[in-house]
PDB file of N, CA and C in Angstrom:
ATOM      1  N   UNK A   1     -41.433  34.807  -2.577  1.00  0.00           N
ATOM      2  CA  UNK A   1     -41.175  35.618  -4.067  1.00  0.00           C
ATOM      3  C   UNK A   1     -41.680  34.972  -5.079  1.00  0.00           C
ATOM      4  N   UNK A   2     -42.480  35.765  -5.907  1.00  0.00           N
ATOM      5  CA  UNK A   2     -43.224  35.186  -7.256  1.00  0.00           C
ATOM      6  C   UNK A   2     -42.147  35.129  -8.326  1.00  0.00           C
ATOM      7  N   UNK A   3     -42.380  34.264  -9.094  1.00  0.00           N
ATOM      8  CA  UNK A   3     -41.480  34.144 -10.401  1.00  0.00           C
ATOM      9  C   UNK A   3     -42.103  35.348 -11.358  1.00  0.00           C
ATOM     10  N   UNK A   4     -40.791  35.738 -12.085  1.00  0.00           N
ATOM     11  CA  UNK A   4     -41.315  36.794 -13.218  1.00  0.00           C
ATOM     12  C   UNK A   4     -42.034  36.337 -14.200  1.00  0.00           C
ATOM     13  N   UNK A   5     -43.076  37.094 -14.733  1.00  0.00           N
ATOM     14  CA  UNK A   5     -43.959  36.809 -15.850  1.00  0.00           C
ATOM     15  C   UNK A   5     -43.513  36.796 -17.048  1.00  0.00           C
ATOM     16  N   UNK A   6     -43.331  35.596 -17.785  1.00  0.00           N
ATOM     17  CA  UNK A   6     -42.804  35.674 -19.178  1.00  0.00           C
ATOM     18  C   UNK A   6     -43.808  36.258 -20.049  1.00  0.00           C
ATOM     19  N   UNK A   7     -43.392  37.139 -21.057  1.00  0.00           N
ATOM     20  CA  UNK A   7     -44.468  37.918 -22.179  1.00  0.00           C
ATOM     21  C   UNK A   7     -44.041  37.162 -23.357  1.00  0.00           C
ATOM     22  N   UNK A   8     -45.084  36.979 -24.031  1.00  0.00           N
ATOM     23  CA  UNK A   8     -45.236  36.542 -25.374  1.00  0.00           C
ATOM     24  C   UNK A   8     -46.149  37.481 -26.354  1.00  0.00           C
ATOM     25  N   UNK A   9     -45.797  37.367 -27.641  1.00  0.00           N
ATOM     26  CA  UNK A   9     -46.581  37.968 -28.719  1.00  0.00           C
ATOM     27  C   UNK A   9     -47.612  37.020 -28.926  1.00  0.00           C
ATOM     28  N   UNK A  10     -48.828  37.489 -29.169  1.00  0.00           N
ATOM     29  CA  UNK A  10     -49.969  36.672 -29.359  1.00  0.00           C
ATOM     30  C   UNK A  10     -50.457  36.995 -30.752  1.00  0.00           C
ATOM     31  N   UNK A  11     -50.356  35.733 -31.505  1.00  0.00           N
ATOM     32  CA  UNK A  11     -50.553  35.796 -32.977  1.00  0.00           C
ATOM     33  C   UNK A  11     -51.906  35.182 -33.168  1.00  0.00           C
ATOM     34  N   UNK A  12     -52.693  35.697 -34.334  1.00  0.00           N
ATOM     35  CA  UNK A  12     -53.736  34.897 -34.829  1.00  0.00           C
ATOM     36  C   UNK A  12     -53.809  34.441 -36.253  1.00  0.00           C
ATOM     37  N   UNK A  13     -54.050  33.163 -36.356  1.00  0.00           N
ATOM     38  CA  UNK A  13     -54.379  32.890 -37.919  1.00  0.00           C
ATOM     39  C   UNK A  13     -55.316  33.637 -38.598  1.00  0.00           C
ATOM     40  N   UNK A  14     -55.470  33.657 -39.858  1.00  0.00           N
ATOM     41  CA  UNK A  14     -56.226  34.416 -40.891  1.00  0.00           C
ATOM     42  C   UNK A  14     -57.635  33.645 -40.360  1.00  0.00           C
ATOM     43  N   UNK A  15     -57.813  32.432 -40.088  1.00  0.00           N
ATOM     44  CA  UNK A  15     -59.089  31.638 -39.670  1.00  0.00           C
ATOM     45  C   UNK A  15     -59.492  32.330 -38.315  1.00  0.00           C
ATOM     46  N   UNK A  16     -58.572  32.371 -37.524  1.00  0.00           N
ATOM     47  CA  UNK A  16     -59.122  32.743 -36.017  1.00  0.00           C
ATOM     48  C   UNK A  16     -59.370  34.242 -36.237  1.00  0.00           C
ATOM     49  N   UNK A  17     -58.667  35.074 -36.859  1.00  0.00           N
ATOM     50  CA  UNK A  17     -58.848  36.488 -37.042  1.00  0.00           C
ATOM     51  C   UNK A  17     -60.494  36.772 -37.507  1.00  0.00           C
ATOM     52  N   UNK A  18     -60.531  35.908 -38.700  1.00  0.00           N
ATOM     53  CA  UNK A  18     -62.001  36.158 -39.367  1.00  0.00           C
ATOM     54  C   UNK A  18     -63.194  35.624 -38.449  1.00  0.00           C
ATOM     55  N   UNK A  19     -63.224  34.725 -37.684  1.00  0.00           N
ATOM     56  CA  UNK A  19     -63.772  34.343 -36.616  1.00  0.00           C
ATOM     57  C   UNK A  19     -64.093  35.230 -35.605  1.00  0.00           C
ATOM     58  N   UNK A  20     -63.103  35.844 -35.167  1.00  0.00           N
ATOM     59  CA  UNK A  20     -63.149  36.816 -34.074  1.00  0.00           C
ATOM     60  C   UNK A  20     -63.933  38.060 -34.537  1.00  0.00           C
ATOM     61  N   UNK A  21     -63.600  38.516 -35.818  1.00  0.00           N
ATOM     62  CA  UNK A  21     -64.153  39.657 -36.544  1.00  0.00           C
ATOM     63  C   UNK A  21     -65.809  39.414 -36.656  1.00  0.00           C
ATOM     64  N   UNK A  22     -66.190  38.086 -36.728  1.00  0.00           N
ATOM     65  CA  UNK A  22     -67.444  37.759 -37.041  1.00  0.00           C
ATOM     66  C   UNK A  22     -68.332  37.657 -35.939  1.00  0.00           C
ATOM     67  N   UNK A  23     -67.764  37.671 -34.685  1.00  0.00           N
ATOM     68  CA  UNK A  23     -68.525  37.568 -33.391  1.00  0.00           C
ATOM     69  C   UNK A  23     -69.479  38.883 -33.234  1.00  0.00           C
ATOM     70  N   UNK A  24     -70.315  38.782 -32.237  1.00  0.00           N
ATOM     71  CA  UNK A  24     -71.170  39.946 -31.818  1.00  0.00           C
ATOM     72  C   UNK A  24     -70.196  40.850 -31.083  1.00  0.00           C
ATOM     73  N   UNK A  25     -70.336  42.037 -31.296  1.00  0.00           N
ATOM     74  CA  UNK A  25     -69.525  42.925 -30.391  1.00  0.00           C
ATOM     75  C   UNK A  25     -69.185  42.731 -28.834  1.00  0.00           C
ATOM     76  N   UNK A  26     -70.114  42.656 -28.356  1.00  0.00           N
ATOM     77  CA  UNK A  26     -69.962  42.082 -26.904  1.00  0.00           C
ATOM     78  C   UNK A  26     -69.038  40.915 -26.761  1.00  0.00           C
ATOM     79  N   UNK A  27     -69.350  39.690 -27.436  1.00  0.00           N
ATOM     80  CA  UNK A  27     -68.520  38.731 -27.231  1.00  0.00           C
ATOM     81  C   UNK A  27     -67.247  38.931 -27.832  1.00  0.00           C
ATOM     82  N   UNK A  28     -67.181  39.615 -28.947  1.00  0.00           N
ATOM     83  CA  UNK A  28     -65.690  39.924 -29.517  1.00  0.00           C
ATOM     84  C   UNK A  28     -64.788  40.572 -28.529  1.00  0.00           C
ATOM     85  N   UNK A  29     -65.474  41.612 -27.816  1.00  0.00           N
ATOM     86  CA  UNK A  29     -64.674  42.502 -26.812  1.00  0.00           C
ATOM     87  C   UNK A  29     -64.339  41.750 -25.720  1.00  0.00           C
ATOM     88  N   UNK A  30     -65.093  40.638 -25.236  1.00  0.00           N
ATOM     89  CA  UNK A  30     -64.606  39.945 -24.077  1.00  0.00           C
ATOM     90  C   UNK A  30     -63.534  38.583 -24.634  1.00  0.00           C
ATOM     91  N   UNK A  31     -63.704  38.272 -25.894  1.00  0.00           N
ATOM     92  CA  UNK A  31     -62.548  37.332 -26.316  1.00  0.00           C
ATOM     93  C   UNK A  31     -61.232  38.100 -26.560  1.00  0.00           C
ATOM     94  N   UNK A  32     -61.523  39.388 -27.234  1.00  0.00           N
ATOM     95  CA  UNK A  32     -60.214  40.013 -27.456  1.00  0.00           C
ATOM     96  C   UNK A  32     -59.421  40.406 -26.257  1.00  0.00           C
ATOM     97  N   UNK A  33     -60.290  40.725 -25.098  1.00  0.00           N
ATOM     98  CA  UNK A  33     -59.628  40.983 -23.827  1.00  0.00           C
ATOM     99  C   UNK A  33     -58.752  39.956 -23.442  1.00  0.00           C
ATOM    100  N   UNK A  34     -59.611  38.788 -23.249  1.00  0.00           N
ATOM    101  CA  UNK A  34     -58.756  37.406 -22.805  1.00  0.00           C
ATOM    102  C   UNK A  34     -57.536  37.134 -23.750  1.00  0.00           C
ATOM    103  N   UNK A  35     -57.768  37.175 -25.116  1.00  0.00           N
ATOM    104  CA  UNK A  35     -56.725  37.011 -25.824  1.00  0.00           C
ATOM    105  C   UNK A  35     -55.463  38.047 -25.761  1.00  0.00           C
ATOM    106  N   UNK A  36     -55.741  39.269 -25.486  1.00  0.00           N
ATOM    107  CA  UNK A  36     -54.628  40.262 -25.117  1.00  0.00           C
ATOM    108  C   UNK A  36     -53.988  39.803 -23.712  1.00  0.00           C
ATOM    109  N   UNK A  37     -54.671  39.239 -22.644  1.00  0.00           N
ATOM    110  CA  UNK A  37     -54.130  38.406 -21.485  1.00  0.00           C
ATOM    111  C   UNK A  37     -53.385  37.532 -21.700  1.00  0.00           C
ATOM    112  N   UNK A  38     -53.561  36.728 -22.674  1.00  0.00           N
ATOM    113  CA  UNK A  38     -52.761  35.716 -23.007  1.00  0.00           C
ATOM    114  C   UNK A  38     -51.222  35.908 -23.096  1.00  0.00           C
ATOM    115  N   UNK A  39     -50.820  37.065 -23.509  1.00  0.00           N
ATOM    116  CA  UNK A  39     -49.537  37.322 -23.608  1.00  0.00           C
ATOM    117  C   UNK A  39     -48.769  37.176 -22.336  1.00  0.00           C
ATOM    118  N   UNK A  40     -49.389  37.050 -21.055  1.00  0.00           N
ATOM    119  CA  UNK A  40     -48.708  37.042 -19.936  1.00  0.00           C
ATOM    120  C   UNK A  40     -49.480  35.940 -19.089  1.00  0.00           C
ATOM    121  N   UNK A  41     -50.688  35.226 -19.436  1.00  0.00           N
ATOM    122  CA  UNK A  41     -51.238  34.065 -18.751  1.00  0.00           C
ATOM    123  C   UNK A  41     -50.311  32.946 -18.681  1.00  0.00           C
ATOM    124  N   UNK A  42     -50.443  32.070 -17.608  1.00  0.00           N
ATOM    125  CA  UNK A  42     -49.747  31.053 -17.467  1.00  0.00           C
ATOM    126  C   UNK A  42     -50.577  29.952 -18.279  1.00  0.00           C
ATOM    127  N   UNK A  43     -50.093  29.183 -19.158  1.00  0.00           N
ATOM    128  CA  UNK A  43     -50.975  28.191 -19.812  1.00  0.00           C
ATOM    129  C   UNK A  43     -51.652  27.288 -18.840  1.00  0.00           C
ATOM    130  N   UNK A  44     -52.808  26.959 -18.870  1.00  0.00           N
ATOM    131  CA  UNK A  44     -53.638  26.483 -17.975  1.00  0.00           C
ATOM    132  C   UNK A  44     -53.913  24.789 -18.276  1.00  0.00           C
ATOM    133  N   UNK A  45     -54.482  24.471 -19.583  1.00  0.00           N
ATOM    134  CA  UNK A  45     -54.379  23.155 -19.901  1.00  0.00           C
ATOM    135  C   UNK A  45     -54.430  23.021 -21.470  1.00  0.00           C
ATOM    136  N   UNK A  46     -53.880  21.307 -21.755  1.00  0.00           N
ATOM    137  CA  UNK A  46     -53.825  21.210 -23.113  1.00  0.00           C
ATOM    138  C   UNK A  46     -54.908  19.980 -23.499  1.00  0.00           C
ATOM    139  N   UNK A  47     -54.871  19.801 -24.875  1.00  0.00           N
ATOM    140  CA  UNK A  47     -55.800  18.894 -25.266  1.00  0.00           C
ATOM    141  C   UNK A  47     -55.348  17.582 -24.832  1.00  0.00           C
ATOM    142  N   UNK A  48     -56.258  16.897 -24.212  1.00  0.00           N
ATOM    143  CA  UNK A  48     -55.740  15.399 -23.864  1.00  0.00           C
ATOM    144  C   UNK A  48     -54.973  14.413 -24.979  1.00  0.00           C
ATOM    145  N   UNK A  49     -55.473  14.614 -26.207  1.00  0.00           N
ATOM    146  CA  UNK A  49     -54.945  13.809 -27.253  1.00  0.00           C
ATOM    147  C   UNK A  49     -53.598  14.431 -28.043  1.00  0.00           C
ATOM    148  N   UNK A  50     -53.299  15.671 -27.619  1.00  0.00           N
ATOM    149  CA  UNK A  50     -52.393  16.454 -28.098  1.00  0.00           C
ATOM    150  C   UNK A  50     -51.747  17.345 -27.209  1.00  0.00           C
ATOM    151  N   UNK A  51     -50.791  17.272 -26.232  1.00  0.00           N
ATOM    152  CA  UNK A  51     -50.471  17.964 -25.257  1.00  0.00           C
ATOM    153  C   UNK A  51     -49.716  19.210 -25.874  1.00  0.00           C
ATOM    154  N   UNK A  52     -49.435  19.392 -27.221  1.00  0.00           N
ATOM    155  CA  UNK A  52     -48.685  20.560 -27.762  1.00  0.00           C
ATOM    156  C   UNK A  52     -49.739  21.725 -27.987  1.00  0.00           C
ATOM    157  N   UNK A  53     -50.761  21.323 -27.854  1.00  0.00           N
ATOM    158  CA  UNK A  53     -52.082  22.258 -28.061  1.00  0.00           C
ATOM    159  C   UNK A  53     -52.801  22.756 -27.010  1.00  0.00           C
ATOM    160  N   UNK A  54     -52.768  23.964 -26.574  1.00  0.00           N
ATOM    161  CA  UNK A  54     -53.173  24.559 -25.478  1.00  0.00           C
ATOM    162  C   UNK A  54     -54.753  25.343 -25.537  1.00  0.00           C
ATOM    163  N   UNK A  55     -55.361  25.245 -24.517  1.00  0.00           N
ATOM    164  CA  UNK A  55     -56.730  25.693 -24.675  1.00  0.00           C
ATOM    165  C   UNK A  55     -56.878  26.837 -23.673  1.00  0.00           C
ATOM    166  N   UNK A  56     -57.661  28.050 -23.958  1.00  0.00           N
ATOM    167  CA  UNK A  56     -58.092  29.135 -23.390  1.00  0.00           C
ATOM    168  C   UNK A  56     -59.467  29.158 -23.296  1.00  0.00           C
ATOM    169  N   UNK A  57     -59.973  29.265 -22.171  1.00  0.00           N
ATOM    170  CA  UNK A  57     -61.610  29.053 -21.956  1.00  0.00           C
ATOM    171  C   UNK A  57     -61.883  30.612 -21.611  1.00  0.00           C
ATOM    172  N   UNK A  58     -62.867  31.083 -22.548  1.00  0.00           N
ATOM    173  CA  UNK A  58     -63.406  32.529 -22.619  1.00  0.00           C
ATOM    174  C   UNK A  58     -64.960  32.245 -22.333  1.00  0.00           C
ATOM    175  N   UNK A  59     -65.546  32.172 -21.341  1.00  0.00           N
ATOM    176  CA  UNK A  59     -67.025  31.729 -20.979  1.00  0.00           C
ATOM    177  C   UNK A  59     -67.235  30.522 -21.810  1.00  0.00           C
ATOM    178  N   UNK A  60     -68.194  30.494 -22.738  1.00  0.00           N
ATOM    179  CA  UNK A  60     -68.634  29.477 -23.478  1.00  0.00           C
ATOM    180  C   UNK A  60     -67.706  29.542 -24.832  1.00  0.00           C
ATOM    181  N   UNK A  61     -66.785  30.347 -24.937  1.00  0.00           N
ATOM    182  CA  UNK A  61     -66.123  30.016 -25.961  1.00  0.00           C
ATOM    183  C   UNK A  61     -64.632  29.424 -25.691  1.00  0.00           C
ATOM    184  N   UNK A  62     -64.018  28.731 -26.756  1.00  0.00           N
ATOM    185  CA  UNK A  62     -62.779  28.229 -26.731  1.00  0.00           C
ATOM    186  C   UNK A  62     -61.910  28.576 -27.625  1.00  0.00           C
ATOM    187  N   UNK A  63     -60.553  28.879 -27.206  1.00  0.00           N
ATOM    188  CA  UNK A  63     -59.293  29.329 -28.038  1.00  0.00           C
ATOM    189  C   UNK A  63     -58.432  28.211 -28.204  1.00  0.00           C
ATOM    190  N   UNK A  64     -57.969  27.620 -29.054  1.00  0.00           N
ATOM    191  CA  UNK A  64     -56.690  26.767 -29.318  1.00  0.00           C
ATOM    192  C   UNK A  64     -55.776  27.390 -29.864  1.00  0.00           C
ATOM    193  N   UNK A  65     -54.609  27.330 -29.199  1.00  0.00           N
ATOM    194  CA  UNK A  65     -53.223  28.051 -29.669  1.00  0.00           C
ATOM    195  C   UNK A  65     -52.211  27.067 -29.493  1.00  0.00           C
ATOM    196  N   UNK A  66     -50.929  27.392 -30.159  1.00  0.00           N
ATOM    197  CA  UNK A  66     -49.527  26.718 -29.765  1.00  0.00           C
ATOM    198  C   UNK A  66     -48.474  27.749 -29.314  1.00  0.00           C
ATOM    199  N   UNK A  67     -47.820  27.271 -28.570  1.00  0.00           N
ATOM    200  CA  UNK A  67     -46.706  28.006 -28.060  1.00  0.00           C
ATOM    201  C   UNK A  67     -45.336  27.904 -28.840  1.00  0.00           C
ATOM    202  N   UNK A  68     -44.699  28.837 -29.056  1.00  0.00           N
ATOM    203  CA  UNK A  68     -43.299  28.569 -29.583  1.00  0.00           C
ATOM    204  C   UNK A  68     -42.369  29.500 -28.684  1.00  0.00           C
ATOM    205  N   UNK A  69     -41.944  28.842 -27.599  1.00  0.00           N
ATOM    206  CA  UNK A  69     -40.950  29.249 -26.457  1.00  0.00           C
ATOM    207  C   UNK A  69     -39.862  29.958 -26.933  1.00  0.00           C
ATOM    208  N   UNK A  70     -39.158  29.467 -28.219  1.00  0.00           N
ATOM    209  CA  UNK A  70     -37.927  30.028 -28.517  1.00  0.00           C
ATOM    210  C   UNK A  70     -38.289  31.354 -29.200  1.00  0.00           C
ATOM    211  N   UNK A  71     -39.391  31.600 -30.037  1.00  0.00           N
ATOM    212  CA  UNK A  71     -39.677  32.777 -30.590  1.00  0.00           C
ATOM    213  C   UNK A  71     -40.665  33.732 -29.676  1.00  0.00           C
ATOM    214  N   UNK A  72     -40.972  33.111 -28.610  1.00  0.00           N
ATOM    215  CA  UNK A  72     -41.936  33.745 -27.669  1.00  0.00           C
ATOM    216  C   UNK A  72     -43.317  34.154 -28.096  1.00  0.00           C
ATOM    217  N   UNK A  73     -43.956  33.208 -28.817  1.00  0.00           N
ATOM    218  CA  UNK A  73     -44.948  33.453 -29.655  1.00  0.00           C
ATOM    219  C   UNK A  73     -46.341  32.410 -29.074  1.00  0.00           C
ATOM    220  N   UNK A  74     -47.397  32.879 -29.034  1.00  0.00           N
ATOM    221  CA  UNK A  74     -48.560  32.230 -28.734  1.00  0.00           C
ATOM    222  C   UNK A  74     -49.351  32.190 -30.207  1.00  0.00           C
ATOM    223  N   UNK A  75     -49.656  31.108 -30.882  1.00  0.00           N
ATOM    224  CA  UNK A  75     -50.494  31.573 -32.268  1.00  0.00           C
ATOM    225  C   UNK A  75     -51.936  30.809 -31.954  1.00  0.00           C
ATOM    226  N   UNK A  76     -52.831  31.503 -31.903  1.00  0.00           N
ATOM    227  CA  UNK A  76     -54.243  31.308 -31.838  1.00  0.00           C
ATOM    228  C   UNK A  76     -54.719  30.603 -33.200  1.00  0.00           C
ATOM    229  N   UNK A  77     -55.221  29.480 -33.131  1.00  0.00           N
ATOM    230  CA  UNK A  77     -55.571  29.005 -34.579  1.00  0.00           C
ATOM    231  C   UNK A  77     -56.835  28.672 -34.784  1.00  0.00           C
ATOM    232  N   UNK A  78     -57.721  28.659 -33.764  1.00  0.00           N
ATOM    233  CA  UNK A  78     -59.119  28.197 -33.490  1.00  0.00           C
ATOM    234  C   UNK A  78     -59.810  29.029 -32.491  1.00  0.00           C
ATOM    235  N   UNK A  79     -60.934  29.877 -32.810  1.00  0.00           N
ATOM    236  CA  UNK A  79     -61.716  30.193 -31.614  1.00  0.00           C
ATOM    237  C   UNK A  79     -63.169  29.924 -32.109  1.00  0.00           C
ATOM    238  N   UNK A  80     -63.870  29.455 -31.111  1.00  0.00           N
ATOM    239  CA  UNK A  80     -65.258  29.255 -31.329  1.00  0.00           C
ATOM    240  C   UNK A  80     -66.186  28.731 -30.042  1.00  0.00           C
ATOM    241  N   UNK A  81     -67.473  28.771 -29.999  1.00  0.00           N
ATOM    242  CA  UNK A  81     -68.221  28.378 -28.899  1.00  0.00           C
ATOM    243  C   UNK A  81     -67.805  26.741 -28.776  1.00  0.00           C
ATOM    244  N   UNK A  82     -68.328  26.507 -27.623  1.00  0.00           N
ATOM    245  CA  UNK A  82     -68.269  25.157 -27.000  1.00  0.00           C
ATOM    246  C   UNK A  82     -68.703  23.827 -28.197  1.00  0.00           C
ATOM    247  N   UNK A  83     -69.787  24.144 -28.659  1.00  0.00           N
ATOM    248  CA  UNK A  83     -70.077  23.255 -29.865  1.00  0.00           C
ATOM    249  C   UNK A  83     -69.144  23.384 -30.823  1.00  0.00           C
ATOM    250  N   UNK A  84     -68.733  24.378 -31.385  1.00  0.00           N
ATOM    251  CA  UNK A  84     -67.826  24.403 -32.426  1.00  0.00           C
ATOM    252  C   UNK A  84     -66.429  23.779 -32.184  1.00  0.00           C
ATOM    253  N   UNK A  85     -66.172  24.138 -30.897  1.00  0.00           N
ATOM    254  CA  UNK A  85     -64.731  23.558 -30.447  1.00  0.00           C
ATOM    255  C   UNK A  85     -64.928  21.918 -30.203  1.00  0.00           C
ATOM    256  N   UNK A  86     -66.031  21.560 -29.973  1.00  0.00           N
ATOM    257  CA  UNK A  86     -66.137  19.894 -29.911  1.00  0.00           C
ATOM    258  C   UNK A  86     -66.122  19.466 -31.430  1.00  0.00           C
ATOM    259  N   UNK A  87     -66.843  20.169 -32.117  1.00  0.00           N
ATOM    260  CA  UNK A  87     -66.745  19.699 -33.531  1.00  0.00           C
ATOM    261  C   UNK A  87     -65.092  19.509 -34.207  1.00  0.00           C
ATOM    262  N   UNK A  88     -64.597  20.798 -33.866  1.00  0.00           N
ATOM    263  CA  UNK A  88     -63.007  20.868 -34.433  1.00  0.00           C
ATOM    264  C   UNK A  88     -62.346  19.929 -33.503  1.00  0.00           C
ATOM    265  N   UNK A  89     -62.245  19.592 -32.284  1.00  0.00           N
ATOM    266  CA  UNK A  89     -61.716  18.568 -31.601  1.00  0.00           C
ATOM    267  C   UNK A  89     -61.681  16.889 -32.345  1.00  0.00           C
ATOM    268  N   UNK A  90     -63.131  16.915 -32.661  1.00  0.00           N
ATOM    269  CA  UNK A  90     -63.505  15.427 -33.269  1.00  0.00           C
ATOM    270  C   UNK A  90     -62.882  15.274 -34.625  1.00  0.00           C
ATOM    271  N   UNK A  91     -62.840  16.541 -35.317  1.00  0.00           N
ATOM    272  CA  UNK A  91     -62.327  16.489 -36.881  1.00  0.00           C
ATOM    273  C   UNK A  91     -60.665  16.340 -36.428  1.00  0.00           C
ATOM    274  N   UNK A  92     -60.059  16.772 -35.671  1.00  0.00           N
ATOM    275  CA  UNK A  92     -58.557  17.047 -35.565  1.00  0.00           C
ATOM    276  C   UNK A  92     -58.127  15.248 -35.160  1.00  0.00           C
ATOM    277  N   UNK A  93     -59.075  14.827 -34.085  1.00  0.00           N
ATOM    278  CA  UNK A  93     -58.515  13.671 -33.669  1.00  0.00           C
ATOM    279  C   UNK A  93     -59.561  12.322 -34.004  1.00  0.00           C
ATOM    280  N   UNK A  94     -59.885  12.309 -35.218  1.00  0.00           N
ATOM    281  CA  UNK A  94     -60.558  11.102 -35.515  1.00  0.00           C
ATOM    282  C   UNK A  94     -60.103   9.735 -35.386  1.00  0.00           C
TER     283      UNK A  94
END
């Protein structure tokens, strides 16, 4: 018997939304589809140096998000390709 899937609201910060809107249309649509699925996806992995920050892999792109279990929200605060992700990671954990 499978466990029931919890549903979360997916929120985007202004920065993440701006990045999403700036992507080429095919990439933007693929990222949007995965972000919509994030509402019911089981979280897969966290950042090694910060276990409260979750990573969603979308092809060559990454989305970083926080989970608030009490409010049932997942807040995406970063969207970028792998190179931008590496840069963000290094800035966050110098």
